[in-house]
Amino acid sequence: MVVPIRSTGMGSPPTVSLRRRLEQHFEELPVLPAVVVQLMSLDPEDAHCFEHVRRLIESEPAFSARLLALANSAASAPRQPIVSVRDALQRVGTRQAVNLLLATAVARVFVPRDEWEKCLWRHSLEVAVLARALATRGSSVDPEHAYTCGLLHDLGRFILFQEAPAELHRIEQAPWRTPDELLAAERSLCGLTHSELGALACRKWRLPEVIASVVATHHSSFAAAGNELARLVQLSDWLMFSSVRPDGAHRLALREPGSEAVAASLTESQEELDAIVDEARAEADGMARALGVHCG
């Protein structure tokens, strides 16, 4: 059930004025750091990729600090403290380092202010890590594309918690149980959905259109999702739904026509799928701690 917004009878209805605020917010979004744009353009298969990544990280003190924190975390468990970017990069791996730095750049724009907002960050990291893991299992999707789209799939919700935290908390407290009900609540209170808002932000940042498309459709039906990448991110989002709705609603999502078939094509059993999900949660938890957005 979604509580409708009533017009005050004076000026614009609250929904209209909030939508204008949200649209103004994404117009004012800072650009991603240039170093991130360069990192995203690197070919991980290039023999010189490691050195390119190392130089770019060393040019940004904040990125160097984040990488060293991850390399020295309990999850990495080094025998001796790691104090150089080169050693940290060798420990963590080039691809994971690039993923961490992309998340760091987005975290600079959207700084969580409370426990709930940190949990939203954790959910985005979980979806990113799971989408990448599933992409390596008989899928034609590039695992790093899956990670990036998974990380940014809820970009619109980050904008909501920056510009309209009270409204976002009202949405979270509403008795919705499915993604469709969530979108209906957002449209009722905000005038547009987080999927629409996120796609607008992606285009503002001039990110590849494939990312904006996935962000826009990650709550569409499987038939309308458009391509394998979008369906993979959508499936990962649903499997990690408990991050934002810990009442079991995420299991209902697998009843969406087509979703169980996609899951079955990537794993041999429910037990294997559950194990992959658990591993993704653990990896995302380590990244959240490195980013300073850990919750719970």
Protein backbone atom coordinates (compact mmCIF):
# COMPACT_ATOMS: atom_id res chain seq x y z
CA MET A 1 0.00 0.00 0.00
CA VAL A 2 1.36 3.42 -0.97
CA VAL A 3 0.21 6.57 0.82
CA PRO A 4 -0.67 9.24 -1.77
CA ILE A 5 0.60 12.81 -1.60
CA ARG A 6 -2.15 15.37 -1.24
CA SER A 7 -1.96 18.76 -2.88
CA THR A 8 -1.85 21.70 -0.46
CA GLY A 9 -3.96 23.80 -2.80
CA MET A 10 -1.25 26.45 -2.86
CA GLY A 11 1.39 26.51 -5.59
CA SER A 12 2.92 23.28 -6.84
CA PRO A 13 2.02 19.95 -5.19
CA PRO A 14 4.80 18.62 -2.91
CA THR A 15 5.63 15.87 -5.40
CA VAL A 16 6.24 18.39 -8.20
CA SER A 17 8.49 20.62 -6.09
CA LEU A 18 10.49 17.61 -4.84
CA ARG A 19 10.97 16.36 -8.39
CA ARG A 20 12.33 19.77 -9.35
CA ARG A 21 14.77 19.67 -6.42
CA LEU A 22 15.95 16.21 -7.41
CA GLU A 23 16.43 17.16 -11.05
CA GLN A 24 18.36 20.25 -9.97
CA HIS A 25 20.54 18.08 -7.73
CA PHE A 26 21.70 15.82 -10.54
CA GLU A 27 22.41 18.88 -12.68
CA GLU A 28 24.76 20.04 -9.91
CA LEU A 29 26.54 16.69 -9.45
CA PRO A 30 30.33 17.03 -9.44
CA VAL A 31 32.13 15.15 -12.17
CA LEU A 32 33.96 11.94 -11.36
CA PRO A 33 37.69 12.50 -10.77
CA ALA A 34 39.69 12.41 -14.00
CA VAL A 35 41.84 9.57 -12.64
CA VAL A 36 38.73 7.37 -12.38
CA VAL A 37 37.76 8.08 -15.98
CA GLN A 38 41.27 7.02 -17.00
CA LEU A 39 41.12 3.88 -14.86
CA MET A 40 37.80 2.85 -16.40
CA SER A 41 39.26 3.21 -19.89
CA LEU A 42 42.18 0.84 -19.27
CA ASP A 43 42.22 -2.61 -20.83
CA PRO A 44 42.78 -5.15 -18.00
CA GLU A 45 44.30 -7.55 -20.55
CA ASP A 46 46.98 -5.03 -21.56
CA ALA A 47 50.44 -6.17 -20.46
CA HIS A 48 51.14 -2.65 -19.14
CA CYS A 49 47.86 -2.32 -17.24
CA PHE A 50 49.45 -2.93 -13.82
CA GLU A 51 51.95 -0.08 -14.24
CA HIS A 52 49.29 2.28 -15.62
CA VAL A 53 47.04 1.59 -12.61
CA ARG A 54 49.94 1.98 -10.17
CA ARG A 55 50.91 5.40 -11.56
CA LEU A 56 47.32 6.63 -11.53
CA ILE A 57 46.78 5.49 -7.94
CA GLU A 58 50.03 7.07 -6.79
CA SER A 59 48.86 10.37 -8.31
CA GLU A 60 45.89 10.44 -5.90
CA PRO A 61 46.79 10.30 -2.16
CA ALA A 62 43.23 9.40 -1.13
CA PHE A 63 43.16 6.47 -3.56
CA SER A 64 46.56 5.28 -2.33
CA ALA A 65 45.30 5.34 1.25
CA ARG A 66 42.16 3.34 0.41
CA LEU A 67 44.16 0.72 -1.47
CA LEU A 68 46.66 0.33 1.37
CA ALA A 69 43.80 0.00 3.87
CA LEU A 70 42.27 -2.82 1.83
CA ALA A 71 45.59 -4.58 1.32
CA ASN A 72 46.25 -4.50 5.08
CA SER A 73 42.72 -5.50 6.11
CA ALA A 74 41.87 -8.68 7.96
CA ALA A 75 40.37 -10.08 4.76
CA SER A 76 43.76 -9.86 3.01
CA ALA A 77 45.66 -11.04 6.10
CA PRO A 78 49.22 -10.12 4.99
CA ARG A 79 52.07 -11.58 7.03
CA GLN A 80 53.88 -8.24 7.07
CA PRO A 81 52.39 -4.73 6.86
CA ILE A 82 52.10 -3.50 3.28
CA VAL A 83 53.41 0.04 2.91
CA SER A 84 53.82 0.61 -0.84
CA VAL A 85 51.23 1.04 -3.57
CA ARG A 86 53.04 -1.50 -5.74
CA ASP A 87 52.90 -4.18 -3.03
CA ALA A 88 49.30 -3.30 -2.22
CA LEU A 89 48.34 -3.59 -5.87
CA GLN A 90 50.04 -6.98 -6.13
CA ARG A 91 48.22 -8.15 -3.00
CA VAL A 92 44.76 -6.94 -3.96
CA GLY A 93 44.95 -7.37 -7.73
CA THR A 94 44.60 -4.82 -10.50
CA ARG A 95 40.91 -5.42 -11.19
CA GLN A 96 39.82 -5.27 -7.55
CA ALA A 97 41.90 -2.12 -7.08
CA VAL A 98 40.15 -0.40 -10.00
CA ASN A 99 36.79 -1.46 -8.59
CA LEU A 100 37.68 -0.09 -5.16
CA LEU A 101 38.76 3.23 -6.63
CA LEU A 102 35.55 3.58 -8.63
CA ALA A 103 33.59 3.00 -5.42
CA THR A 104 35.83 5.50 -3.60
CA ALA A 105 35.12 8.15 -6.23
CA VAL A 106 31.36 7.65 -5.94
CA ALA A 107 31.66 7.67 -2.12
CA ARG A 108 33.22 11.11 -2.32
CA VAL A 109 30.06 12.38 -3.99
CA PHE A 110 27.58 10.47 -1.81
CA VAL A 111 28.82 10.43 1.79
CA PRO A 112 26.58 8.34 4.08
CA ARG A 113 25.35 10.15 7.19
CA ASP A 114 23.75 7.34 9.18
CA GLU A 115 23.59 3.57 9.55
CA TRP A 116 20.78 3.14 7.01
CA GLU A 117 22.68 5.04 4.32
CA LYS A 118 25.75 2.89 4.99
CA CYS A 119 23.59 -0.18 4.46
CA LEU A 120 22.52 1.22 1.10
CA TRP A 121 26.21 1.45 0.21
CA ARG A 122 26.77 -2.13 1.35
CA HIS A 123 23.89 -3.28 -0.86
CA SER A 124 25.42 -1.61 -3.94
CA LEU A 125 28.77 -3.24 -3.25
CA GLU A 126 27.12 -6.63 -2.74
CA VAL A 127 25.26 -6.38 -6.05
CA ALA A 128 28.46 -5.32 -7.84
CA VAL A 129 30.53 -8.19 -6.45
CA LEU A 130 27.79 -10.77 -7.06
CA ALA A 131 27.13 -9.58 -10.62
CA ARG A 132 30.84 -9.90 -11.40
CA ALA A 133 30.98 -13.40 -9.87
CA LEU A 134 27.94 -14.60 -11.82
CA ALA A 135 29.29 -13.10 -15.05
CA THR A 136 32.26 -15.46 -14.88
CA ARG A 137 30.00 -18.52 -14.91
CA GLY A 138 29.12 -19.26 -18.52
CA SER A 139 27.91 -15.75 -19.28
CA SER A 140 28.96 -13.63 -22.25
CA VAL A 141 28.93 -10.51 -20.04
CA ASP A 142 32.26 -8.82 -19.24
CA PRO A 143 32.66 -9.31 -15.45
CA GLU A 144 34.03 -5.79 -14.98
CA HIS A 145 31.08 -4.28 -16.85
CA ALA A 146 28.81 -6.28 -14.57
CA TYR A 147 30.64 -4.91 -11.52
CA THR A 148 30.40 -1.28 -12.63
CA CYS A 149 26.72 -1.53 -13.48
CA GLY A 150 26.03 -3.32 -10.21
CA LEU A 151 27.83 -0.64 -8.21
CA LEU A 152 25.89 2.16 -9.88
CA HIS A 153 22.48 0.47 -10.25
CA ASP A 154 21.02 2.35 -7.25
CA LEU A 155 22.63 5.70 -8.07
CA GLY A 156 19.19 7.31 -7.97
CA ARG A 157 18.69 6.22 -4.38
CA PHE A 158 21.98 7.87 -3.42
CA ILE A 159 20.68 11.13 -4.88
CA LEU A 160 17.46 10.68 -2.94
CA PHE A 161 19.26 10.28 0.36
CA GLN A 162 21.39 13.35 -0.35
CA GLU A 163 18.56 15.66 -1.39
CA ALA A 164 15.45 14.16 0.19
CA PRO A 165 16.39 11.97 3.18
CA ALA A 166 13.05 12.43 4.95
CA GLU A 167 11.11 11.30 1.89
CA LEU A 168 13.45 8.35 1.33
CA HIS A 169 12.98 7.19 4.91
CA ARG A 170 9.19 7.47 4.45
CA ILE A 171 9.52 5.23 1.42
CA GLU A 172 11.63 2.71 3.33
CA GLN A 173 9.09 2.61 6.16
CA ALA A 174 6.17 2.03 3.78
CA PRO A 175 4.86 -1.57 3.68
CA TRP A 176 6.20 -2.46 0.24
CA ARG A 177 7.48 -5.99 -0.37
CA THR A 178 8.43 -6.11 -4.05
CA PRO A 179 10.47 -3.89 -6.40
CA ASP A 180 7.26 -2.84 -8.19
CA GLU A 181 5.77 -1.62 -4.92
CA LEU A 182 9.00 0.24 -4.13
CA LEU A 183 8.87 2.08 -7.46
CA ALA A 184 5.20 2.95 -6.92
CA ALA A 185 6.04 4.41 -3.50
CA GLU A 186 8.86 6.48 -4.98
CA ARG A 187 6.71 7.84 -7.80
CA SER A 188 3.95 8.73 -5.34
CA LEU A 189 6.27 10.60 -2.98
CA CYS A 190 8.93 11.95 -5.35
CA GLY A 191 7.36 12.18 -8.79
CA LEU A 192 9.89 9.80 -10.36
CA THR A 193 11.65 6.54 -9.50
CA HIS A 194 15.23 5.99 -8.41
CA SER A 195 15.81 4.08 -11.68
CA GLU A 196 14.82 7.14 -13.73
CA LEU A 197 16.80 9.51 -11.53
CA GLY A 198 19.89 7.30 -11.64
CA ALA A 199 19.83 7.08 -15.43
CA LEU A 200 19.66 10.87 -15.65
CA ALA A 201 22.69 11.14 -13.35
CA CYS A 202 24.66 8.61 -15.46
CA ARG A 203 24.06 10.72 -18.54
CA LYS A 204 25.03 13.86 -16.63
CA TRP A 205 28.33 12.15 -15.80
CA ARG A 206 28.67 11.13 -19.48
CA LEU A 207 29.05 7.49 -18.51
CA PRO A 208 28.68 4.89 -21.28
CA GLU A 209 25.07 4.55 -22.39
CA VAL A 210 25.13 0.84 -21.54
CA ILE A 211 25.48 1.80 -17.85
CA ALA A 212 22.65 4.33 -18.00
CA SER A 213 20.46 1.73 -19.71
CA VAL A 214 21.06 -0.89 -17.02
CA VAL A 215 20.39 1.65 -14.26
CA ALA A 216 17.15 2.65 -15.97
CA THR A 217 15.88 -0.92 -16.43
CA HIS A 218 17.17 -2.81 -13.39
CA HIS A 219 13.62 -3.05 -12.00
CA SER A 220 11.95 -3.83 -15.33
CA SER A 221 10.52 -7.27 -15.99
CA PHE A 222 13.00 -9.77 -17.35
CA ALA A 223 11.29 -9.59 -20.72
CA ALA A 224 11.80 -5.82 -20.82
CA ALA A 225 15.28 -5.69 -19.29
CA GLY A 226 16.74 -5.72 -22.77
CA ASN A 227 20.01 -7.63 -22.61
CA GLU A 228 22.02 -10.18 -20.67
CA LEU A 229 23.98 -7.56 -18.73
CA ALA A 230 20.79 -5.88 -17.49
CA ARG A 231 19.25 -9.22 -16.50
CA LEU A 232 22.42 -10.25 -14.65
CA VAL A 233 22.47 -7.03 -12.61
CA GLN A 234 18.75 -7.34 -11.99
CA LEU A 235 19.15 -10.90 -10.73
CA SER A 236 22.05 -9.86 -8.46
CA ASP A 237 20.00 -6.98 -7.08
CA TRP A 238 17.13 -9.32 -6.26
CA LEU A 239 19.38 -11.91 -4.65
CA MET A 240 20.87 -9.20 -2.45
CA PHE A 241 17.49 -7.64 -1.68
CA SER A 242 17.78 -8.60 1.99
CA SER A 243 20.41 -5.85 2.36
CA VAL A 244 17.64 -3.28 2.07
CA ARG A 245 14.63 -5.40 3.00
CA PRO A 246 15.56 -8.02 5.63
CA ASP A 247 12.07 -9.59 5.75
CA GLY A 248 12.60 -12.31 3.13
CA ALA A 249 11.11 -10.33 0.25
CA HIS A 250 14.20 -11.02 -1.89
CA ARG A 251 13.18 -14.66 -2.26
CA LEU A 252 9.86 -13.60 -3.77
CA ALA A 253 11.80 -11.81 -6.49
CA LEU A 254 13.01 -15.10 -7.96
CA ARG A 255 9.42 -15.85 -8.91
CA GLU A 256 9.65 -13.22 -11.64
CA PRO A 257 9.19 -15.11 -14.93
CA GLY A 258 12.60 -15.86 -16.37
CA SER A 259 14.68 -15.12 -13.28
CA GLU A 260 14.88 -18.71 -12.06
CA ALA A 261 15.96 -19.83 -15.54
CA VAL A 262 18.79 -17.29 -15.55
CA ALA A 263 19.93 -18.40 -12.09
CA ALA A 264 19.78 -22.06 -13.14
CA SER A 265 21.85 -21.36 -16.27
CA LEU A 266 24.68 -19.94 -14.15
CA THR A 267 24.72 -22.41 -11.26
CA GLU A 268 24.06 -26.12 -10.85
CA SER A 269 21.99 -25.95 -7.66
CA GLN A 270 20.40 -23.63 -5.12
CA GLU A 271 23.17 -24.61 -2.69
CA GLU A 272 25.84 -23.46 -5.14
CA LEU A 273 23.99 -20.19 -5.75
CA ASP A 274 23.70 -19.60 -2.00
CA ALA A 275 27.45 -20.21 -1.59
CA ILE A 276 28.26 -17.66 -4.31
CA VAL A 277 25.96 -15.13 -2.66
CA ASP A 278 27.63 -15.69 0.73
CA GLU A 279 31.10 -15.23 -0.78
CA ALA A 280 29.98 -12.01 -2.48
CA ARG A 281 28.61 -10.69 0.80
CA ALA A 282 31.93 -11.37 2.54
CA GLU A 283 33.97 -9.64 -0.19
CA ALA A 284 31.62 -6.65 -0.26
CA ASP A 285 31.87 -6.38 3.52
CA GLY A 286 35.65 -6.07 3.24
CA MET A 287 35.34 -3.36 0.62
CA ALA A 288 32.77 -1.48 2.73
CA ARG A 289 35.22 -1.45 5.64
CA ALA A 290 37.99 -0.16 3.37
CA LEU A 291 35.69 2.60 2.14
CA GLY A 292 34.57 3.52 5.64
CA VAL A 293 30.91 2.75 4.88
CA HIS A 294 30.56 -0.50 6.82
CA CYS A 295 27.26 -0.99 8.61
CA GLY A 296 25.95 -3.45 11.14
